[in-house]
Amino acid sequence: MLRIINPSDDPYFNMAMEDYLVHTADITEDIFMLWQNRPTVVVGRHQNSSAEINLPYVRENNIAVVRRLSGGGAVYHDQGNLNFTFVSRIQGRGFDFAAFTMPVIEVLRQLGVAAEYAGRNDIVIAGRKFSGNAQYRFKDRLMHHGTILWDSNLEDVAQALQPDECKTVARGIASVRSRVTNISEHLPRFMTLKDFTQLLAEHLFRHSGEKREREFSGQELNAIGELRAKKYSTWEWNYGQSPQYTQRRKAQFPWGSMEAFLLVEQGKVAQCRYCGDFFNIGHLSDLEAAIINQPLQPEAITAALQSLDPGTIIPGATAEQIASLLID
């Protein structure tokens, strides 16, 4: 088995890296990688990004949001979390999660931690999840990847993955919220994540029979960088791929209360309706039409409203105020 060395903590590059390995790379043997992201929420292929995350918290704390190739639920990554990826040649159909999670379980048991495979795709300690796993298939290749919470900021985990459910009625695959734990809480003696990473790598090499490692070539890095720029760092992939959903927002302003009802398709506003106790001197339909087909992003919504000047329709209203209603 070949280990690919990837020192990047850029989540957009790392998702592009997995894409490249499973779709494009000229590699004829099984490979594995152990890698990390800076603070990031990674959403599943079929999920509604806006419904899975706490957008205000994510923005305020500079947490990246990126969509992955595989299905399953949203997960949180930071420097206290280790990610592992396997890319293997396969035959037949079906998803075999247990085979890929077993090396992690075996190493932890050697350290005195009673980890076990549970449910559909989790590894747990005493019923508390520390690893979520997902798989993606392309032709005769299978990519399996998972997370390992070693010493992550569990407050960020809880806050970043806690959307306001009363505001969004989403279509798509919702995450199943689980009680989580860090492995570091269960170790009988102190160990660093770096030491554990090395121990896990050595365990995988032992089972494969040989120790071989290589880094990405310059040509490969260029190809991954292009995927990053054109796909994984784009709003269209990370938000625009979301299924249709409806959203209800309400806020109080000096000029009155306003409630907005939105239908969002592929991350863009398809329908908008306002109601409230405000007074209008212009056509409210113009204010609604201004944001149709706009991506539900603060910059795009604010710019669209500024071009109209909401104060000419609702005295005292500003583009920034209405944008704050539509997007936290």
Protein backbone atom coordinates (compact mmCIF):
# COMPACT_ATOMS: atom_id res chain seq x y z
CA MET A 1 0.00 0.00 0.00
CA LEU A 2 1.29 3.45 -0.95
CA ARG A 3 1.06 6.42 1.38
CA ILE A 4 0.51 9.79 -0.30
CA ILE A 5 2.05 12.63 1.68
CA ASN A 6 -0.15 15.72 1.77
CA PRO A 7 0.88 18.52 4.17
CA SER A 8 -1.89 20.92 3.07
CA ASP A 9 -4.53 22.12 5.55
CA ASP A 10 -6.49 23.99 2.84
CA PRO A 11 -9.94 22.32 2.77
CA TYR A 12 -10.64 23.31 -0.84
CA PHE A 13 -7.33 21.85 -2.00
CA ASN A 14 -7.87 18.71 0.07
CA MET A 15 -11.30 18.00 -1.38
CA ALA A 16 -9.85 18.58 -4.86
CA MET A 17 -7.03 16.20 -3.95
CA GLU A 18 -9.47 13.38 -3.20
CA ASP A 19 -11.36 14.14 -6.42
CA TYR A 20 -8.13 13.92 -8.41
CA LEU A 21 -7.06 10.64 -6.81
CA VAL A 22 -10.33 8.86 -7.43
CA HIS A 23 -11.08 10.25 -10.91
CA THR A 24 -7.80 11.12 -12.59
CA ALA A 25 -4.63 9.87 -10.91
CA ASP A 26 -2.65 7.18 -12.72
CA ILE A 27 -2.20 5.01 -9.65
CA THR A 28 -2.57 1.25 -9.98
CA GLU A 29 -2.28 0.27 -6.31
CA ASP A 30 -4.18 0.92 -3.11
CA ILE A 31 -3.27 4.18 -1.39
CA PHE A 32 -3.90 5.92 1.90
CA MET A 33 -3.42 9.43 3.25
CA LEU A 34 -3.50 10.97 6.71
CA TRP A 35 -4.20 14.69 6.55
CA GLN A 36 -5.79 17.70 8.27
CA ASN A 37 -7.88 20.78 7.51
CA ARG A 38 -7.95 24.18 9.14
CA PRO A 39 -11.35 24.85 10.84
CA THR A 40 -13.89 23.63 8.30
CA VAL A 41 -17.40 22.23 7.96
CA VAL A 42 -17.50 19.52 5.30
CA VAL A 43 -21.03 18.81 4.03
CA GLY A 44 -22.16 15.64 2.28
CA ARG A 45 -22.70 15.49 -1.47
CA HIS A 46 -26.50 15.47 -1.21
CA GLN A 47 -26.96 17.92 1.65
CA ASN A 48 -28.34 21.42 1.87
CA SER A 49 -25.37 23.46 3.09
CA SER A 50 -27.47 26.28 4.54
CA ALA A 51 -29.58 23.82 6.53
CA GLU A 52 -26.58 21.99 7.98
CA ILE A 53 -24.55 24.83 9.42
CA ASN A 54 -24.84 27.80 11.73
CA LEU A 55 -24.02 30.43 9.11
CA PRO A 56 -23.49 33.39 11.47
CA TYR A 57 -21.14 31.36 13.68
CA VAL A 58 -19.25 29.99 10.69
CA ARG A 59 -18.73 33.47 9.23
CA GLU A 60 -17.78 35.11 12.53
CA ASN A 61 -15.20 32.42 13.29
CA ASN A 62 -13.72 32.17 9.79
CA ILE A 63 -14.73 28.52 9.41
CA ALA A 64 -14.59 27.26 5.83
CA VAL A 65 -17.49 25.38 4.23
CA VAL A 66 -16.83 22.84 1.51
CA ARG A 67 -18.85 20.07 -0.14
CA ARG A 68 -17.28 16.64 -0.59
CA LEU A 69 -17.85 13.95 -3.22
CA SER A 70 -19.32 11.35 -0.87
CA GLY A 71 -22.74 11.20 0.72
CA GLY A 72 -23.51 11.17 4.43
CA GLY A 73 -23.71 13.96 6.97
CA ALA A 74 -21.84 17.14 7.79
CA VAL A 75 -18.65 16.95 9.88
CA TYR A 76 -16.31 19.44 11.49
CA HIS A 77 -12.54 19.50 10.96
CA ASP A 78 -9.81 21.43 12.74
CA GLN A 79 -6.18 20.89 13.74
CA GLY A 80 -7.31 18.64 16.59
CA ASN A 81 -8.87 16.28 14.05
CA LEU A 82 -7.12 13.76 11.80
CA ASN A 83 -8.62 12.68 8.47
CA PHE A 84 -7.84 9.43 6.71
CA THR A 85 -8.50 8.53 3.09
CA PHE A 86 -8.21 5.19 1.30
CA VAL A 87 -8.51 4.76 -2.47
CA SER A 88 -8.77 1.13 -3.55
CA ARG A 89 -9.61 -0.99 -6.56
CA ILE A 90 -12.89 -2.78 -6.00
CA GLN A 91 -15.14 -5.48 -7.37
CA GLY A 92 -18.84 -5.90 -6.80
CA ARG A 93 -21.24 -3.51 -5.17
CA GLY A 94 -22.19 -2.46 -1.67
CA PHE A 95 -20.48 -0.43 1.03
CA ASP A 96 -18.04 -2.11 3.41
CA PHE A 97 -17.31 0.50 6.08
CA ALA A 98 -16.08 -1.88 8.76
CA ALA A 99 -13.02 -3.05 6.80
CA PHE A 100 -11.67 0.49 6.48
CA THR A 101 -12.39 1.55 10.04
CA MET A 102 -10.77 -1.54 11.60
CA PRO A 103 -7.16 -0.21 11.47
CA VAL A 104 -8.20 2.81 13.56
CA ILE A 105 -9.99 0.58 16.05
CA GLU A 106 -7.03 -1.80 16.30
CA VAL A 107 -4.51 0.97 17.01
CA LEU A 108 -6.75 2.55 19.64
CA ARG A 109 -7.27 -0.79 21.38
CA GLN A 110 -3.50 -1.20 21.51
CA LEU A 111 -3.44 2.14 23.34
CA GLY A 112 -6.07 0.96 25.83
CA VAL A 113 -9.05 2.76 24.27
CA ALA A 114 -12.16 0.60 23.80
CA ALA A 115 -13.23 1.86 20.37
CA GLU A 116 -15.81 0.00 18.31
CA TYR A 117 -17.64 0.23 15.00
CA ALA A 118 -21.28 1.24 15.44
CA GLY A 119 -24.33 2.01 13.39
CA ARG A 120 -24.01 2.67 9.70
CA ASN A 121 -20.68 4.48 9.49
CA ASP A 122 -19.38 5.57 12.91
CA ILE A 123 -16.62 4.62 15.33
CA VAL A 124 -17.50 5.24 18.97
CA ILE A 125 -16.13 5.09 22.49
CA ALA A 126 -18.71 4.22 25.15
CA GLY A 127 -21.47 5.15 22.72
CA ARG A 128 -20.01 8.56 21.88
CA LYS A 129 -18.92 9.22 18.30
CA PHE A 130 -15.37 10.29 17.43
CA SER A 131 -15.26 9.19 13.80
CA GLY A 132 -17.72 9.59 10.94
CA ASN A 133 -17.04 7.77 7.66
CA ALA A 134 -18.27 8.00 4.08
CA GLN A 135 -17.57 6.36 0.73
CA TYR A 136 -17.66 7.29 -2.95
CA ARG A 137 -17.35 5.02 -5.98
CA PHE A 138 -16.15 5.78 -9.50
CA LYS A 139 -15.86 2.93 -12.00
CA ASP A 140 -13.55 0.38 -10.32
CA ARG A 141 -12.27 2.75 -7.62
CA LEU A 142 -13.59 3.20 -4.11
CA MET A 143 -12.71 6.15 -1.92
CA HIS A 144 -13.29 5.73 1.80
CA HIS A 145 -12.62 8.65 4.12
CA GLY A 146 -13.22 9.35 7.77
CA THR A 147 -12.56 11.75 10.61
CA ILE A 148 -10.82 11.13 13.92
CA LEU A 149 -11.60 13.60 16.70
CA TRP A 150 -8.42 13.62 18.75
CA ASP A 151 -8.46 16.94 20.56
CA SER A 152 -10.90 19.10 18.56
CA ASN A 153 -12.68 22.17 19.87
CA LEU A 154 -16.01 20.54 20.75
CA GLU A 155 -17.62 23.93 21.28
CA ASP A 156 -16.92 24.75 17.63
CA VAL A 157 -18.20 21.30 16.64
CA ALA A 158 -21.49 21.95 18.45
CA GLN A 159 -21.94 25.56 17.34
CA ALA A 160 -20.89 25.22 13.70
CA LEU A 161 -23.18 22.23 13.14
CA GLN A 162 -26.23 23.76 14.80
CA PRO A 163 -28.50 25.48 12.24
CA ASP A 164 -31.60 27.41 13.25
CA GLU A 165 -34.18 24.75 12.38
CA CYS A 166 -37.15 27.08 12.79
CA LYS A 167 -35.92 29.26 9.92
CA THR A 168 -35.20 26.66 7.26
CA VAL A 169 -37.35 23.84 5.93
CA ALA A 170 -34.92 21.90 3.79
CA ARG A 171 -34.95 19.13 1.26
CA GLY A 172 -31.87 16.95 1.14
CA ILE A 173 -30.15 14.52 3.45
CA ALA A 174 -29.99 15.90 6.98
CA SER A 175 -27.18 14.99 9.34
CA VAL A 176 -27.93 12.81 12.33
CA ARG A 177 -26.65 14.71 15.36
CA SER A 178 -24.64 12.50 17.69
CA ARG A 179 -22.96 12.84 21.04
CA VAL A 180 -19.30 13.29 20.24
CA THR A 181 -16.07 12.87 22.14
CA ASN A 182 -12.34 13.41 21.73
CA ILE A 183 -10.03 10.39 21.90
CA SER A 184 -7.67 12.35 24.16
CA GLU A 185 -10.28 12.18 26.94
CA HIS A 186 -10.04 8.37 27.00
CA LEU A 187 -6.30 7.73 26.75
CA PRO A 188 -4.75 6.03 29.79
CA ARG A 189 -1.59 8.09 29.16
CA PHE A 190 -0.84 11.26 27.22
CA MET A 191 -0.06 11.03 23.52
CA THR A 192 0.15 13.71 20.84
CA LEU A 193 -1.85 13.57 17.62
CA LYS A 194 1.43 13.56 15.70
CA ASP A 195 2.52 10.40 17.54
CA PHE A 196 -0.83 8.75 16.89
CA THR A 197 -0.63 9.64 13.19
CA GLN A 198 2.75 7.93 12.95
CA LEU A 199 1.48 4.90 14.87
CA LEU A 200 -1.52 4.53 12.56
CA ALA A 201 0.66 4.87 9.45
CA GLU A 202 3.06 2.20 10.71
CA HIS A 203 0.13 -0.11 11.49
CA LEU A 204 -1.18 0.25 7.93
CA PHE A 205 2.27 -0.38 6.46
CA ARG A 206 2.67 -3.50 8.59
CA HIS A 207 -0.54 -4.97 7.24
CA SER A 208 0.29 -4.10 3.63
CA GLY A 209 3.74 -5.71 3.82
CA GLU A 210 5.87 -2.79 2.67
CA LYS A 211 6.51 0.84 3.48
CA ARG A 212 6.36 3.19 0.51
CA GLU A 213 5.59 6.90 0.46
CA ARG A 214 5.51 9.61 -2.16
CA GLU A 215 4.49 13.23 -2.55
CA PHE A 216 2.46 14.83 -5.31
CA SER A 217 4.45 15.83 -8.38
CA GLY A 218 4.37 19.38 -9.73
CA GLN A 219 2.06 18.26 -12.52
CA GLU A 220 -0.31 16.66 -10.03
CA LEU A 221 -0.30 19.75 -7.82
CA ASN A 222 -1.22 21.89 -10.82
CA ALA A 223 -4.11 19.58 -11.72
CA ILE A 224 -5.39 19.60 -8.12
CA GLY A 225 -5.00 23.38 -7.95
CA GLU A 226 -7.11 23.75 -11.07
CA LEU A 227 -9.84 21.56 -9.55
CA ARG A 228 -9.67 23.67 -6.40
CA ALA A 229 -10.11 26.92 -8.33
CA LYS A 230 -12.82 25.77 -10.72
CA LYS A 231 -14.88 23.59 -8.38
CA TYR A 232 -14.12 23.20 -4.70
CA SER A 233 -13.54 26.84 -3.75
CA THR A 234 -16.64 28.05 -5.62
CA TRP A 235 -19.96 29.12 -4.19
CA GLU A 236 -21.66 27.15 -7.00
CA TRP A 237 -20.29 23.83 -5.68
CA ASN A 238 -20.43 24.48 -1.95
CA TYR A 239 -23.86 26.17 -1.81
CA GLY A 240 -25.35 26.14 -5.30
CA GLN A 241 -25.52 22.34 -5.35
CA SER A 242 -27.97 22.38 -2.43
CA PRO A 243 -31.48 20.97 -3.00
CA GLN A 244 -34.49 23.29 -3.08
CA TYR A 245 -35.59 24.63 0.31
CA THR A 246 -37.83 27.25 1.86
CA GLN A 247 -36.83 29.82 4.41
CA ARG A 248 -38.75 32.11 6.76
CA ARG A 249 -37.11 35.12 8.40
CA LYS A 250 -38.47 37.82 10.70
CA ALA A 251 -36.91 40.95 12.20
CA GLN A 252 -37.83 44.28 13.81
CA PHE A 253 -36.58 47.57 12.37
CA PRO A 254 -37.16 51.25 13.27
CA TRP A 255 -39.63 51.46 10.37
CA GLY A 256 -41.58 48.34 11.39
CA SER A 257 -41.44 44.57 11.52
CA MET A 258 -40.82 42.55 8.38
CA GLU A 259 -41.17 38.86 7.61
CA ALA A 260 -39.65 37.29 4.50
CA PHE A 261 -40.58 33.99 2.89
CA LEU A 262 -38.04 32.62 0.40
CA LEU A 263 -37.91 29.68 -1.97
CA VAL A 264 -34.27 28.86 -2.74
CA GLU A 265 -33.24 26.65 -5.66
CA GLN A 266 -29.61 25.73 -6.34
CA GLY A 267 -28.57 28.37 -3.84
CA LYS A 268 -30.42 31.19 -5.63
CA VAL A 269 -33.64 33.00 -4.67
CA ALA A 270 -36.50 31.63 -6.81
CA GLN A 271 -39.38 33.32 -4.98
CA CYS A 272 -39.67 36.05 -2.35
CA ARG A 273 -42.58 37.48 -0.40
CA TYR A 274 -42.57 40.14 2.33
CA CYS A 275 -45.17 40.96 4.95
CA GLY A 276 -45.22 43.02 8.15
CA ASP A 277 -46.55 46.17 9.80
CA PHE A 278 -44.39 48.60 7.81
CA PHE A 279 -45.75 51.31 5.50
CA ASN A 280 -44.86 51.34 1.83
CA ILE A 281 -45.11 54.13 -0.72
CA GLY A 282 -43.87 52.08 -3.67
CA HIS A 283 -44.58 48.67 -5.12
CA LEU A 284 -43.55 45.92 -2.71
CA SER A 285 -43.32 43.55 -5.68
CA ASP A 286 -40.33 45.55 -6.96
CA LEU A 287 -38.52 44.91 -3.68
CA GLU A 288 -39.33 41.21 -3.97
CA ALA A 289 -38.29 40.98 -7.62
CA ALA A 290 -34.93 42.68 -6.95
CA ILE A 291 -33.38 39.56 -5.44
CA ILE A 292 -34.88 36.91 -7.72
CA ASN A 293 -32.13 34.74 -9.28
CA GLN A 294 -29.55 36.21 -6.92
CA PRO A 295 -27.33 33.80 -4.95
CA LEU A 296 -28.20 33.86 -1.26
CA GLN A 297 -24.94 35.58 -0.32
CA PRO A 298 -24.63 38.80 1.70
CA GLU A 299 -22.69 40.66 -1.00
CA ALA A 300 -25.02 39.68 -3.87
CA ILE A 301 -28.25 40.38 -1.97
CA THR A 302 -27.03 43.73 -0.64
CA ALA A 303 -25.87 44.85 -4.08
CA ALA A 304 -29.18 43.87 -5.69
CA LEU A 305 -31.15 45.80 -3.05
CA GLN A 306 -28.85 48.83 -3.26
CA SER A 307 -29.50 49.11 -6.99
CA LEU A 308 -33.19 49.52 -6.17
CA ASP A 309 -32.93 51.73 -3.02
CA PRO A 310 -35.49 50.17 -0.63
CA GLY A 311 -36.11 53.57 0.99
CA THR A 312 -38.10 54.62 -2.09
CA ILE A 313 -40.50 51.76 -1.39
CA ILE A 314 -40.48 51.56 2.43
CA PRO A 315 -39.52 54.92 3.97
CA GLY A 316 -36.44 54.55 6.18
CA ALA A 317 -35.51 51.07 4.96
CA THR A 318 -31.97 50.37 3.76
CA ALA A 319 -30.48 47.63 1.63
CA GLU A 320 -28.27 46.54 4.52
CA GLN A 321 -31.24 46.15 6.87
CA ILE A 322 -33.25 43.97 4.49
CA ALA A 323 -30.17 41.96 3.57
CA SER A 324 -29.61 41.28 7.27
CA LEU A 325 -33.16 39.94 7.45
CA LEU A 326 -32.62 37.59 4.52
CA ILE A 327 -29.18 36.36 5.58
CA ASP A 328 -27.90 36.21 9.17
